[in-house]
Amino acid sequence: MDSRALEQLLGGPGGAERVALLDADGEVLAAAPARAGAVLAAAARSALAIVDADSAAVPAERVEVHLDRGSLVVVRAGGRCAVATTLPDPVTALLAHDLRTLLLAAGPRRRRGSKAAARA
């Protein structure tokens, strides 16, 4: 996925300032702006680890952290994760919806070795 889909979320109604798409291991697949990818990935991994540590059941699908200066929104779906930071007072429900839509549009994740298995 290129960063154009991510860039469309910036400054939109959801209030995103920075957005990243991560793989199942938490590695950056795309980010807007590109320089924000590593920081967003670290924030998403930390937020999910904290929430998941308290849950013996299913891993969290959504995490929100709200501060006076903005918010962090993390959404998981289909083995991937999308994360965004916002300006103060964002419409996080809309942003979470947009992030989930982004994840679903990215398509199903490929399993390692799936090309080789398909050729066999």
PDB file of N, CA and C in Angstrom:
ATOM      1  N   MET A   1       0.847  -1.173   0.000  1.00  0.00           N
ATOM      2  CA  MET A   1       0.000   0.000   0.000  1.00  0.00           C
ATOM      3  C   MET A   1       0.892   1.235   0.000  1.00  0.00           C
ATOM      4  N   ASP A   2       0.544   2.197  -0.851  1.00  0.00           N
ATOM      5  CA  ASP A   2       1.296   3.442  -0.828  1.00  0.00           C
ATOM      6  C   ASP A   2       0.655   4.400   0.177  1.00  0.00           C
ATOM      7  N   SER A   3       1.303   5.502   0.401  1.00  0.00           N
ATOM      8  CA  SER A   3       0.863   6.415   1.457  1.00  0.00           C
ATOM      9  C   SER A   3      -0.286   7.327   1.036  1.00  0.00           C
ATOM     10  N   ARG A   4      -0.730   7.280  -0.216  1.00  0.00           N
ATOM     11  CA  ARG A   4      -1.814   8.174  -0.651  1.00  0.00           C
ATOM     12  C   ARG A   4      -3.094   7.943   0.139  1.00  0.00           C
ATOM     13  N   ALA A   5      -3.445   6.693   0.404  1.00  0.00           N
ATOM     14  CA  ALA A   5      -4.658   6.408   1.177  1.00  0.00           C
ATOM     15  C   ALA A   5      -4.530   6.976   2.588  1.00  0.00           C
ATOM     16  N   LEU A   6      -3.332   6.891   3.147  1.00  0.00           N
ATOM     17  CA  LEU A   6      -3.102   7.448   4.475  1.00  0.00           C
ATOM     18  C   LEU A   6      -3.188   8.973   4.460  1.00  0.00           C
ATOM     19  N   GLU A   7      -2.609   9.582   3.449  1.00  0.00           N
ATOM     20  CA  GLU A   7      -2.593  11.039   3.350  1.00  0.00           C
ATOM     21  C   GLU A   7      -4.004  11.608   3.248  1.00  0.00           C
ATOM     22  N   GLN A   8      -4.935  10.844   2.703  1.00  0.00           N
ATOM     23  CA  GLN A   8      -6.319  11.313   2.590  1.00  0.00           C
ATOM     24  C   GLN A   8      -6.966  11.490   3.967  1.00  0.00           C
ATOM     25  N   LEU A   9      -6.459  10.791   4.976  1.00  0.00           N
ATOM     26  CA  LEU A   9      -7.007  10.915   6.323  1.00  0.00           C
ATOM     27  C   LEU A   9      -6.485  12.146   7.057  1.00  0.00           C
ATOM     28  N   LEU A  10      -5.353  12.664   6.617  1.00  0.00           N
ATOM     29  CA  LEU A  10      -4.743  13.804   7.307  1.00  0.00           C
ATOM     30  C   LEU A  10      -5.602  15.054   7.157  1.00  0.00           C
ATOM     31  N   GLY A  11      -5.878  15.689   8.285  1.00  0.00           N
ATOM     32  CA  GLY A  11      -6.643  16.924   8.258  1.00  0.00           C
ATOM     33  C   GLY A  11      -8.113  16.751   7.939  1.00  0.00           C
ATOM     34  N   GLY A  12      -8.570  15.509   7.835  1.00  0.00           N
ATOM     35  CA  GLY A  12      -9.971  15.244   7.526  1.00  0.00           C
ATOM     36  C   GLY A  12     -10.857  15.405   8.743  1.00  0.00           C
ATOM     37  N   PRO A  13     -12.116  15.032   8.606  1.00  0.00           N
ATOM     38  CA  PRO A  13     -13.074  15.204   9.705  1.00  0.00           C
ATOM     39  C   PRO A  13     -12.709  14.443  10.974  1.00  0.00           C
ATOM     40  N   GLY A  14     -11.945  13.366  10.849  1.00  0.00           N
ATOM     41  CA  GLY A  14     -11.533  12.613  12.030  1.00  0.00           C
ATOM     42  C   GLY A  14     -10.446  13.299  12.833  1.00  0.00           C
ATOM     43  N   GLY A  15      -9.770  14.277  12.227  1.00  0.00           N
ATOM     44  CA  GLY A  15      -8.755  15.052  12.934  1.00  0.00           C
ATOM     45  C   GLY A  15      -7.368  14.450  12.947  1.00  0.00           C
ATOM     46  N   ALA A  16      -7.051  13.517  12.040  1.00  0.00           N
ATOM     47  CA  ALA A  16      -5.733  12.870  12.039  1.00  0.00           C
ATOM     48  C   ALA A  16      -4.619  13.842  11.645  1.00  0.00           C
ATOM     49  N   GLU A  17      -3.529  13.796  12.407  1.00  0.00           N
ATOM     50  CA  GLU A  17      -2.313  14.556  12.084  1.00  0.00           C
ATOM     51  C   GLU A  17      -1.252  13.658  11.468  1.00  0.00           C
ATOM     52  N   ARG A  18      -1.153  12.443  12.004  1.00  0.00           N
ATOM     53  CA  ARG A  18      -0.185  11.450  11.530  1.00  0.00           C
ATOM     54  C   ARG A  18      -0.876  10.095  11.512  1.00  0.00           C
ATOM     55  N   VAL A  19      -0.568   9.273  10.506  1.00  0.00           N
ATOM     56  CA  VAL A  19      -1.217   7.972  10.350  1.00  0.00           C
ATOM     57  C   VAL A  19      -0.188   6.951   9.882  1.00  0.00           C
ATOM     58  N   ALA A  20      -0.310   5.714  10.378  1.00  0.00           N
ATOM     59  CA  ALA A  20       0.564   4.637   9.908  1.00  0.00           C
ATOM     60  C   ALA A  20      -0.213   3.331   9.834  1.00  0.00           C
ATOM     61  N   LEU A  21       0.197   2.493   8.910  1.00  0.00           N
ATOM     62  CA  LEU A  21      -0.327   1.144   8.754  1.00  0.00           C
ATOM     63  C   LEU A  21       0.802   0.193   9.117  1.00  0.00           C
ATOM     64  N   LEU A  22       0.507  -0.761  10.005  1.00  0.00           N
ATOM     65  CA  LEU A  22       1.521  -1.693  10.501  1.00  0.00           C
ATOM     66  C   LEU A  22       1.150  -3.124  10.154  1.00  0.00           C
ATOM     67  N   ASP A  23       2.166  -3.970   9.985  1.00  0.00           N
ATOM     68  CA  ASP A  23       1.902  -5.386   9.752  1.00  0.00           C
ATOM     69  C   ASP A  23       1.641  -6.090  11.085  1.00  0.00           C
ATOM     70  N   ALA A  24       1.454  -7.388  11.040  1.00  0.00           N
ATOM     71  CA  ALA A  24       1.121  -8.159  12.246  1.00  0.00           C
ATOM     72  C   ALA A  24       2.231  -8.121  13.291  1.00  0.00           C
ATOM     73  N   ASP A  25       3.455  -7.862  12.871  1.00  0.00           N
ATOM     74  CA  ASP A  25       4.591  -7.782  13.790  1.00  0.00           C
ATOM     75  C   ASP A  25       4.822  -6.363  14.305  1.00  0.00           C
ATOM     76  N   GLY A  26       3.977  -5.412  13.885  1.00  0.00           N
ATOM     77  CA  GLY A  26       4.126  -4.033  14.325  1.00  0.00           C
ATOM     78  C   GLY A  26       5.117  -3.230  13.513  1.00  0.00           C
ATOM     79  N   GLU A  27       5.527  -3.755  12.363  1.00  0.00           N
ATOM     80  CA  GLU A  27       6.464  -3.037  11.500  1.00  0.00           C
ATOM     81  C   GLU A  27       5.688  -2.138  10.542  1.00  0.00           C
ATOM     82  N   VAL A  28       6.252  -0.991  10.216  1.00  0.00           N
ATOM     83  CA  VAL A  28       5.586   0.008   9.381  1.00  0.00           C
ATOM     84  C   VAL A  28       5.499  -0.461   7.936  1.00  0.00           C
ATOM     85  N   LEU A  29       4.263  -0.471   7.405  1.00  0.00           N
ATOM     86  CA  LEU A  29       4.035  -0.752   5.986  1.00  0.00           C
ATOM     87  C   LEU A  29       3.940   0.552   5.198  1.00  0.00           C
ATOM     88  N   ALA A  30       3.328   1.560   5.805  1.00  0.00           N
ATOM     89  CA  ALA A  30       3.197   2.883   5.184  1.00  0.00           C
ATOM     90  C   ALA A  30       2.906   3.885   6.287  1.00  0.00           C
ATOM     91  N   ALA A  31       3.298   5.140   6.053  1.00  0.00           N
ATOM     92  CA  ALA A  31       3.036   6.192   7.036  1.00  0.00           C
ATOM     93  C   ALA A  31       2.912   7.536   6.342  1.00  0.00           C
ATOM     94  N   ALA A  32       2.114   8.411   6.941  1.00  0.00           N
ATOM     95  CA  ALA A  32       1.981   9.771   6.432  1.00  0.00           C
ATOM     96  C   ALA A  32       1.944  10.713   7.627  1.00  0.00           C
ATOM     97  N   PRO A  33       2.874  11.625   7.714  1.00  0.00           N
ATOM     98  CA  PRO A  33       4.083  11.718   6.899  1.00  0.00           C
ATOM     99  C   PRO A  33       5.013  10.534   7.167  1.00  0.00           C
ATOM    100  N   ALA A  34       5.836  10.217   6.201  1.00  0.00           N
ATOM    101  CA  ALA A  34       6.684   9.031   6.270  1.00  0.00           C
ATOM    102  C   ALA A  34       7.582   9.021   7.503  1.00  0.00           C
ATOM    103  N   ARG A  35       8.079  10.172   7.913  1.00  0.00           N
ATOM    104  CA  ARG A  35       9.002  10.232   9.054  1.00  0.00           C
ATOM    105  C   ARG A  35       8.323   9.858  10.374  1.00  0.00           C
ATOM    106  N   ALA A  36       7.001   9.838  10.410  1.00  0.00           N
ATOM    107  CA  ALA A  36       6.265   9.537  11.646  1.00  0.00           C
ATOM    108  C   ALA A  36       6.073   8.043  11.884  1.00  0.00           C
ATOM    109  N   GLY A  37       6.401   7.224  10.922  1.00  0.00           N
ATOM    110  CA  GLY A  37       6.114   5.795  11.001  1.00  0.00           C
ATOM    111  C   GLY A  37       6.681   5.085  12.219  1.00  0.00           C
ATOM    112  N   ALA A  38       7.940   5.278  12.504  1.00  0.00           N
ATOM    113  CA  ALA A  38       8.586   4.571  13.616  1.00  0.00           C
ATOM    114  C   ALA A  38       7.997   4.970  14.966  1.00  0.00           C
ATOM    115  N   VAL A  39       7.731   6.253  15.142  1.00  0.00           N
ATOM    116  CA  VAL A  39       7.156   6.731  16.411  1.00  0.00           C
ATOM    117  C   VAL A  39       5.736   6.198  16.587  1.00  0.00           C
ATOM    118  N   LEU A  40       4.942   6.237  15.520  1.00  0.00           N
ATOM    119  CA  LEU A  40       3.576   5.722  15.597  1.00  0.00           C
ATOM    120  C   LEU A  40       3.561   4.220  15.864  1.00  0.00           C
ATOM    121  N   ALA A  41       4.468   3.490  15.234  1.00  0.00           N
ATOM    122  CA  ALA A  41       4.544   2.043  15.455  1.00  0.00           C
ATOM    123  C   ALA A  41       4.874   1.733  16.911  1.00  0.00           C
ATOM    124  N   ALA A  42       5.827   2.446  17.469  1.00  0.00           N
ATOM    125  CA  ALA A  42       6.195   2.228  18.869  1.00  0.00           C
ATOM    126  C   ALA A  42       5.034   2.547  19.802  1.00  0.00           C
ATOM    127  N   ALA A  43       4.321   3.635  19.525  1.00  0.00           N
ATOM    128  CA  ALA A  43       3.167   4.009  20.351  1.00  0.00           C
ATOM    129  C   ALA A  43       2.068   2.963  20.263  1.00  0.00           C
ATOM    130  N   ALA A  44       1.793   2.471  19.062  1.00  0.00           N
ATOM    131  CA  ALA A  44       0.746   1.458  18.881  1.00  0.00           C
ATOM    132  C   ALA A  44       1.111   0.166  19.593  1.00  0.00           C
ATOM    133  N   ARG A  45       2.358  -0.283  19.423  1.00  0.00           N
ATOM    134  CA  ARG A  45       2.792  -1.520  20.086  1.00  0.00           C
ATOM    135  C   ARG A  45       2.670  -1.390  21.599  1.00  0.00           C
ATOM    136  N   SER A  46       3.080  -0.243  22.140  1.00  0.00           N
ATOM    137  CA  SER A  46       3.004  -0.032  23.593  1.00  0.00           C
ATOM    138  C   SER A  46       1.568  -0.012  24.094  1.00  0.00           C
ATOM    139  N   ALA A  47       0.711   0.742  23.409  1.00  0.00           N
ATOM    140  CA  ALA A  47      -0.694   0.841  23.830  1.00  0.00           C
ATOM    141  C   ALA A  47      -1.372  -0.523  23.781  1.00  0.00           C
ATOM    142  N   LEU A  48      -1.136  -1.273  22.711  1.00  0.00           N
ATOM    143  CA  LEU A  48      -1.761  -2.595  22.593  1.00  0.00           C
ATOM    144  C   LEU A  48      -1.206  -3.568  23.628  1.00  0.00           C
ATOM    145  N   ALA A  49       0.074  -3.499  23.902  1.00  0.00           N
ATOM    146  CA  ALA A  49       0.675  -4.387  24.900  1.00  0.00           C
ATOM    147  C   ALA A  49       0.091  -4.124  26.280  1.00  0.00           C
ATOM    148  N   ILE A  50      -0.107  -2.865  26.623  1.00  0.00           N
ATOM    149  CA  ILE A  50      -0.673  -2.525  27.931  1.00  0.00           C
ATOM    150  C   ILE A  50      -2.100  -3.045  28.045  1.00  0.00           C
ATOM    151  N   VAL A  51      -2.910  -2.803  27.039  1.00  0.00           N
ATOM    152  CA  VAL A  51      -4.310  -3.223  27.074  1.00  0.00           C
ATOM    153  C   VAL A  51      -4.425  -4.746  27.027  1.00  0.00           C
ATOM    154  N   ASP A  52      -3.633  -5.372  26.176  1.00  0.00           N
ATOM    155  CA  ASP A  52      -3.713  -6.830  26.044  1.00  0.00           C
ATOM    156  C   ASP A  52      -3.196  -7.555  27.281  1.00  0.00           C
ATOM    157  N   ALA A  53      -2.292  -6.933  28.036  1.00  0.00           N
ATOM    158  CA  ALA A  53      -1.753  -7.563  29.244  1.00  0.00           C
ATOM    159  C   ALA A  53      -2.833  -7.754  30.298  1.00  0.00           C
ATOM    160  N   ASP A  54      -3.839  -6.904  30.283  1.00  0.00           N
ATOM    161  CA  ASP A  54      -4.931  -6.994  31.244  1.00  0.00           C
ATOM    162  C   ASP A  54      -6.070  -7.883  30.769  1.00  0.00           C
ATOM    163  N   SER A  55      -5.942  -8.422  29.589  1.00  0.00           N
ATOM    164  CA  SER A  55      -7.029  -9.216  29.024  1.00  0.00           C
ATOM    165  C   SER A  55      -6.576 -10.652  28.812  1.00  0.00           C
ATOM    166  N   ALA A  56      -7.278 -11.572  29.425  1.00  0.00           N
ATOM    167  CA  ALA A  56      -6.977 -12.987  29.227  1.00  0.00           C
ATOM    168  C   ALA A  56      -7.731 -13.533  28.027  1.00  0.00           C
ATOM    169  N   ALA A  57      -8.577 -12.706  27.453  1.00  0.00           N
ATOM    170  CA  ALA A  57      -9.431 -13.158  26.353  1.00  0.00           C
ATOM    171  C   ALA A  57      -8.891 -12.668  25.008  1.00  0.00           C
ATOM    172  N   VAL A  58      -9.756 -12.158  24.202  1.00  0.00           N
ATOM    173  CA  VAL A  58      -9.448 -11.704  22.852  1.00  0.00           C
ATOM    174  C   VAL A  58      -8.646 -10.400  22.893  1.00  0.00           C
ATOM    175  N   PRO A  59      -7.625 -10.263  22.047  1.00  0.00           N
ATOM    176  CA  PRO A  59      -6.860  -9.009  21.998  1.00  0.00           C
ATOM    177  C   PRO A  59      -7.759  -7.824  21.621  1.00  0.00           C
ATOM    178  N   ALA A  60      -7.413  -6.664  22.123  1.00  0.00           N
ATOM    179  CA  ALA A  60      -8.193  -5.459  21.853  1.00  0.00           C
ATOM    180  C   ALA A  60      -8.209  -5.145  20.364  1.00  0.00           C
ATOM    181  N   GLU A  61      -9.366  -4.698  19.876  1.00  0.00           N
ATOM    182  CA  GLU A  61      -9.497  -4.273  18.482  1.00  0.00           C
ATOM    183  C   GLU A  61      -9.287  -2.771  18.334  1.00  0.00           C
ATOM    184  N   ARG A  62      -9.457  -2.029  19.458  1.00  0.00           N
ATOM    185  CA  ARG A  62      -9.349  -0.567  19.393  1.00  0.00           C
ATOM    186  C   ARG A  62      -8.865  -0.033  20.734  1.00  0.00           C
ATOM    187  N   VAL A  63      -7.931   0.918  20.663  1.00  0.00           N
ATOM    188  CA  VAL A  63      -7.414   1.584  21.855  1.00  0.00           C
ATOM    189  C   VAL A  63      -7.396   3.084  21.567  1.00  0.00           C
ATOM    190  N   GLU A  64      -7.860   3.855  22.532  1.00  0.00           N
ATOM    191  CA  GLU A  64      -7.802   5.315  22.417  1.00  0.00           C
ATOM    192  C   GLU A  64      -7.147   5.881  23.666  1.00  0.00           C
ATOM    193  N   VAL A  65      -6.240   6.827  23.456  1.00  0.00           N
ATOM    194  CA  VAL A  65      -5.599   7.542  24.555  1.00  0.00           C
ATOM    195  C   VAL A  65      -5.844   9.022  24.290  1.00  0.00           C
ATOM    196  N   HIS A  66      -6.502   9.691  25.234  1.00  0.00           N
ATOM    197  CA  HIS A  66      -6.855  11.101  25.054  1.00  0.00           C
ATOM    198  C   HIS A  66      -6.042  11.980  25.997  1.00  0.00           C
ATOM    199  N   LEU A  67      -5.435  13.001  25.421  1.00  0.00           N
ATOM    200  CA  LEU A  67      -4.678  13.998  26.177  1.00  0.00           C
ATOM    201  C   LEU A  67      -5.201  15.382  25.800  1.00  0.00           C
ATOM    202  N   ASP A  68      -4.840  16.378  26.561  1.00  0.00           N
ATOM    203  CA  ASP A  68      -5.276  17.741  26.248  1.00  0.00           C
ATOM    204  C   ASP A  68      -4.808  18.200  24.869  1.00  0.00           C
ATOM    205  N   ARG A  69      -3.633  17.764  24.458  1.00  0.00           N
ATOM    206  CA  ARG A  69      -3.075  18.241  23.186  1.00  0.00           C
ATOM    207  C   ARG A  69      -3.414  17.359  21.992  1.00  0.00           C
ATOM    208  N   GLY A  70      -4.142  16.261  22.210  1.00  0.00           N
ATOM    209  CA  GLY A  70      -4.522  15.386  21.111  1.00  0.00           C
ATOM    210  C   GLY A  70      -4.730  13.959  21.584  1.00  0.00           C
ATOM    211  N   SER A  71      -4.981  13.077  20.646  1.00  0.00           N
ATOM    212  CA  SER A  71      -5.277  11.684  20.984  1.00  0.00           C
ATOM    213  C   SER A  71      -4.458  10.721  20.139  1.00  0.00           C
ATOM    214  N   LEU A  72      -4.397   9.487  20.625  1.00  0.00           N
ATOM    215  CA  LEU A  72      -3.807   8.375  19.897  1.00  0.00           C
ATOM    216  C   LEU A  72      -4.942   7.373  19.691  1.00  0.00           C
ATOM    217  N   VAL A  73      -5.142   6.944  18.463  1.00  0.00           N
ATOM    218  CA  VAL A  73      -6.175   5.963  18.144  1.00  0.00           C
ATOM    219  C   VAL A  73      -5.503   4.800  17.428  1.00  0.00           C
ATOM    220  N   VAL A  74      -5.709   3.586  17.945  1.00  0.00           N
ATOM    221  CA  VAL A  74      -5.128   2.375  17.376  1.00  0.00           C
ATOM    222  C   VAL A  74      -6.263   1.409  17.077  1.00  0.00           C
ATOM    223  N   VAL A  75      -6.262   0.849  15.866  1.00  0.00           N
ATOM    224  CA  VAL A  75      -7.287  -0.105  15.455  1.00  0.00           C
ATOM    225  C   VAL A  75      -6.599  -1.333  14.868  1.00  0.00           C
ATOM    226  N   ARG A  76      -7.072  -2.529  15.264  1.00  0.00           N
ATOM    227  CA  ARG A  76      -6.553  -3.785  14.713  1.00  0.00           C
ATOM    228  C   ARG A  76      -7.655  -4.490  13.942  1.00  0.00           C
ATOM    229  N   ALA A  77      -7.295  -5.035  12.784  1.00  0.00           N
ATOM    230  CA  ALA A  77      -8.228  -5.844  11.994  1.00  0.00           C
ATOM    231  C   ALA A  77      -7.438  -6.612  10.946  1.00  0.00           C
ATOM    232  N   GLY A  78      -7.852  -7.836  10.700  1.00  0.00           N
ATOM    233  CA  GLY A  78      -7.229  -8.617   9.630  1.00  0.00           C
ATOM    234  C   GLY A  78      -5.747  -8.856   9.797  1.00  0.00           C
ATOM    235  N   GLY A  79      -5.273  -8.908  11.032  1.00  0.00           N
ATOM    236  CA  GLY A  79      -3.862  -9.170  11.261  1.00  0.00           C
ATOM    237  C   GLY A  79      -2.961  -7.962  11.111  1.00  0.00           C
ATOM    238  N   ARG A  80      -3.541  -6.814  10.856  1.00  0.00           N
ATOM    239  CA  ARG A  80      -2.764  -5.586  10.738  1.00  0.00           C
ATOM    240  C   ARG A  80      -3.249  -4.577  11.763  1.00  0.00           C
ATOM    241  N   CYS A  81      -2.569  -3.443  11.807  1.00  0.00           N
ATOM    242  CA  CYS A  81      -2.899  -2.396  12.767  1.00  0.00           C
ATOM    243  C   CYS A  81      -2.765  -1.051  12.063  1.00  0.00           C
ATOM    244  N   ALA A  82      -3.673  -0.138  12.380  1.00  0.00           N
ATOM    245  CA  ALA A  82      -3.573   1.249  11.908  1.00  0.00           C
ATOM    246  C   ALA A  82      -3.560   2.138  13.135  1.00  0.00           C
ATOM    247  N   VAL A  83      -2.760   3.181  13.080  1.00  0.00           N
ATOM    248  CA  VAL A  83      -2.601   4.083  14.229  1.00  0.00           C
ATOM    249  C   VAL A  83      -2.572   5.520  13.732  1.00  0.00           C
ATOM    250  N   ALA A  84      -3.164   6.401  14.523  1.00  0.00           N
ATOM    251  CA  ALA A  84      -3.165   7.825  14.167  1.00  0.00           C
ATOM    252  C   ALA A  84      -3.051   8.670  15.421  1.00  0.00           C
ATOM    253  N   THR A  85      -2.437   9.832  15.255  1.00  0.00           N
ATOM    254  CA  THR A  85      -2.476  10.862  16.290  1.00  0.00           C
ATOM    255  C   THR A  85      -3.356  11.982  15.758  1.00  0.00           C
ATOM    256  N   THR A  86      -3.936  12.741  16.696  1.00  0.00           N
ATOM    257  CA  THR A  86      -4.899  13.762  16.306  1.00  0.00           C
ATOM    258  C   THR A  86      -4.621  15.103  16.969  1.00  0.00           C
ATOM    259  N   LEU A  87      -5.335  16.080  16.521  1.00  0.00           N
ATOM    260  CA  LEU A  87      -5.396  17.375  17.177  1.00  0.00           C
ATOM    261  C   LEU A  87      -6.307  17.232  18.393  1.00  0.00           C
ATOM    262  N   PRO A  88      -6.378  18.243  19.257  1.00  0.00           N
ATOM    263  CA  PRO A  88      -7.308  18.167  20.391  1.00  0.00           C
ATOM    264  C   PRO A  88      -8.766  18.026  19.928  1.00  0.00           C
ATOM    265  N   ASP A  89      -9.554  17.357  20.736  1.00  0.00           N
ATOM    266  CA  ASP A  89     -10.989  17.162  20.501  1.00  0.00           C
ATOM    267  C   ASP A  89     -11.321  16.537  19.145  1.00  0.00           C
ATOM    268  N   PRO A  90     -10.743  15.400  18.833  1.00  0.00           N
ATOM    269  CA  PRO A  90     -11.036  14.749  17.560  1.00  0.00           C
ATOM    270  C   PRO A  90     -12.390  14.024  17.605  1.00  0.00           C
ATOM    271  N   VAL A  91     -12.854  13.655  16.441  1.00  0.00           N
ATOM    272  CA  VAL A  91     -14.033  12.803  16.335  1.00  0.00           C
ATOM    273  C   VAL A  91     -13.484  11.377  16.210  1.00  0.00           C
ATOM    274  N   THR A  92     -13.161  10.769  17.346  1.00  0.00           N
ATOM    275  CA  THR A  92     -12.445   9.490  17.323  1.00  0.00           C
ATOM    276  C   THR A  92     -13.269   8.348  16.755  1.00  0.00           C
ATOM    277  N   ALA A  93     -14.576   8.380  16.894  1.00  0.00           N
ATOM    278  CA  ALA A  93     -15.400   7.313  16.310  1.00  0.00           C
ATOM    279  C   ALA A  93     -15.257   7.324  14.789  1.00  0.00           C
ATOM    280  N   LEU A  94     -15.252   8.511  14.204  1.00  0.00           N
ATOM    281  CA  LEU A  94     -15.079   8.627  12.749  1.00  0.00           C
ATOM    282  C   LEU A  94     -13.675   8.207  12.339  1.00  0.00           C
ATOM    283  N   LEU A  95     -12.687   8.646  13.093  1.00  0.00           N
ATOM    284  CA  LEU A  95     -11.309   8.276  12.777  1.00  0.00           C
ATOM    285  C   LEU A  95     -11.111   6.773  12.903  1.00  0.00           C
ATOM    286  N   ALA A  96     -11.647   6.157  13.946  1.00  0.00           N
ATOM    287  CA  ALA A  96     -11.528   4.707  14.110  1.00  0.00           C
ATOM    288  C   ALA A  96     -12.189   3.992  12.939  1.00  0.00           C
ATOM    289  N   HIS A  97     -13.326   4.480  12.499  1.00  0.00           N
ATOM    290  CA  HIS A  97     -14.003   3.896  11.323  1.00  0.00           C
ATOM    291  C   HIS A  97     -13.118   4.019  10.086  1.00  0.00           C
ATOM    292  N   ASP A  98     -12.528   5.198   9.889  1.00  0.00           N
ATOM    293  CA  ASP A  98     -11.655   5.413   8.734  1.00  0.00           C
ATOM    294  C   ASP A  98     -10.428   4.506   8.793  1.00  0.00           C
ATOM    295  N   LEU A  99      -9.868   4.320   9.979  1.00  0.00           N
ATOM    296  CA  LEU A  99      -8.700   3.449  10.122  1.00  0.00           C
ATOM    297  C   LEU A  99      -9.071   1.998   9.838  1.00  0.00           C
ATOM    298  N   ARG A 100     -10.234   1.557  10.322  1.00  0.00           N
ATOM    299  CA  ARG A 100     -10.683   0.180  10.062  1.00  0.00           C
ATOM    300  C   ARG A 100     -10.930  -0.015   8.564  1.00  0.00           C
ATOM    301  N   THR A 101     -11.530   0.989   7.919  1.00  0.00           N
ATOM    302  CA  THR A 101     -11.754   0.929   6.473  1.00  0.00           C
ATOM    303  C   THR A 101     -10.431   0.829   5.726  1.00  0.00           C
ATOM    304  N   LEU A 102      -9.441   1.580   6.180  1.00  0.00           N
ATOM    305  CA  LEU A 102      -8.102   1.530   5.592  1.00  0.00           C
ATOM    306  C   LEU A 102      -7.514   0.126   5.703  1.00  0.00           C
ATOM    307  N   LEU A 103      -7.656  -0.481   6.869  1.00  0.00           N
ATOM    308  CA  LEU A 103      -7.140  -1.835   7.074  1.00  0.00           C
ATOM    309  C   LEU A 103      -7.831  -2.842   6.160  1.00  0.00           C
ATOM    310  N   LEU A 104      -9.138  -2.742   6.052  1.00  0.00           N
ATOM    311  CA  LEU A 104      -9.885  -3.672   5.203  1.00  0.00           C
ATOM    312  C   LEU A 104      -9.555  -3.456   3.729  1.00  0.00           C
ATOM    313  N   ALA A 105      -9.322  -2.206   3.330  1.00  0.00           N
ATOM    314  CA  ALA A 105      -8.962  -1.911   1.943  1.00  0.00           C
ATOM    315  C   ALA A 105      -7.572  -2.428   1.596  1.00  0.00           C
ATOM    316  N   ALA A 106      -6.731  -2.582   2.614  1.00  0.00           N
ATOM    317  CA  ALA A 106      -5.378  -3.096   2.381  1.00  0.00           C
ATOM    318  C   ALA A 106      -5.415  -4.564   1.979  1.00  0.00           C
ATOM    319  N   GLY A 107      -6.556  -5.215   2.164  1.00  0.00           N
ATOM    320  CA  GLY A 107      -6.719  -6.599   1.756  1.00  0.00           C
ATOM    321  C   GLY A 107      -6.196  -7.572   2.782  1.00  0.00           C
ATOM    322  N   PRO A 108      -6.420  -8.859   2.516  1.00  0.00           N
ATOM    323  CA  PRO A 108      -5.955  -9.868   3.471  1.00  0.00           C
ATOM    324  C   PRO A 108      -4.440  -9.925   3.504  1.00  0.00           C
ATOM    325  N   ARG A 109      -3.918 -10.184   4.683  1.00  0.00           N
ATOM    326  CA  ARG A 109      -2.460 -10.272   4.785  1.00  0.00           C
ATOM    327  C   ARG A 109      -2.001 -11.556   4.113  1.00  0.00           C
ATOM    328  N   ARG A 110      -0.830 -11.490   3.531  1.00  0.00           N
ATOM    329  CA  ARG A 110      -0.259 -12.668   2.888  1.00  0.00           C
ATOM    330  C   ARG A 110       0.552 -13.453   3.896  1.00  0.00           C
ATOM    331  N   ARG A 111       0.380 -14.740   3.839  1.00  0.00           N
ATOM    332  CA  ARG A 111       1.178 -15.591   4.709  1.00  0.00           C
ATOM    333  C   ARG A 111       2.524 -15.828   4.053  1.00  0.00           C
ATOM    334  N   ARG A 112       3.548 -15.904   4.871  1.00  0.00           N
ATOM    335  CA  ARG A 112       4.889 -16.169   4.336  1.00  0.00           C
ATOM    336  C   ARG A 112       4.873 -17.494   3.617  1.00  0.00           C
ATOM    337  N   GLY A 113       5.446 -17.486   2.423  1.00  0.00           N
ATOM    338  CA  GLY A 113       5.509 -18.714   1.644  1.00  0.00           C
ATOM    339  C   GLY A 113       4.261 -18.987   0.836  1.00  0.00           C
ATOM    340  N   SER A 114       3.269 -18.088   0.829  1.00  0.00           N
ATOM    341  CA  SER A 114       2.020 -18.355   0.130  1.00  0.00           C
ATOM    342  C   SER A 114       2.227 -18.369  -1.373  1.00  0.00           C
ATOM    343  N   LYS A 115       3.157 -17.580  -1.908  1.00  0.00           N
ATOM    344  CA  LYS A 115       3.422 -17.606  -3.341  1.00  0.00           C
ATOM    345  C   LYS A 115       4.002 -18.939  -3.758  1.00  0.00           C
ATOM    346  N   ALA A 116       4.937 -19.434  -2.950  1.00  0.00           N
ATOM    347  CA  ALA A 116       5.551 -20.722  -3.257  1.00  0.00           C
ATOM    348  C   ALA A 116       4.514 -21.843  -3.186  1.00  0.00           C
ATOM    349  N   ALA A 117       3.640 -21.769  -2.195  1.00  0.00           N
ATOM    350  CA  ALA A 117       2.607 -22.796  -2.054  1.00  0.00           C
ATOM    351  C   ALA A 117       1.624 -22.732  -3.203  1.00  0.00           C
ATOM    352  N   ALA A 118       1.340 -21.541  -3.706  1.00  0.00           N
ATOM    353  CA  ALA A 118       0.402 -21.388  -4.818  1.00  0.00           C
ATOM    354  C   ALA A 118       0.984 -21.932  -6.111  1.00  0.00           C
ATOM    355  N   ARG A 119       2.316 -21.861  -6.270  1.00  0.00           N
ATOM    356  CA  ARG A 119       2.962 -22.375  -7.476  1.00  0.00           C
ATOM    357  C   ARG A 119       3.126 -23.872  -7.468  1.00  0.00           C
ATOM    358  N   ALA A 120       3.118 -24.485  -6.294  1.00  0.00           N
ATOM    359  CA  ALA A 120       3.381 -25.927  -6.198  1.00  0.00           C
ATOM    360  C   ALA A 120       2.233 -26.764  -6.707  1.00  0.00           C
TER     361      ALA A 120
END
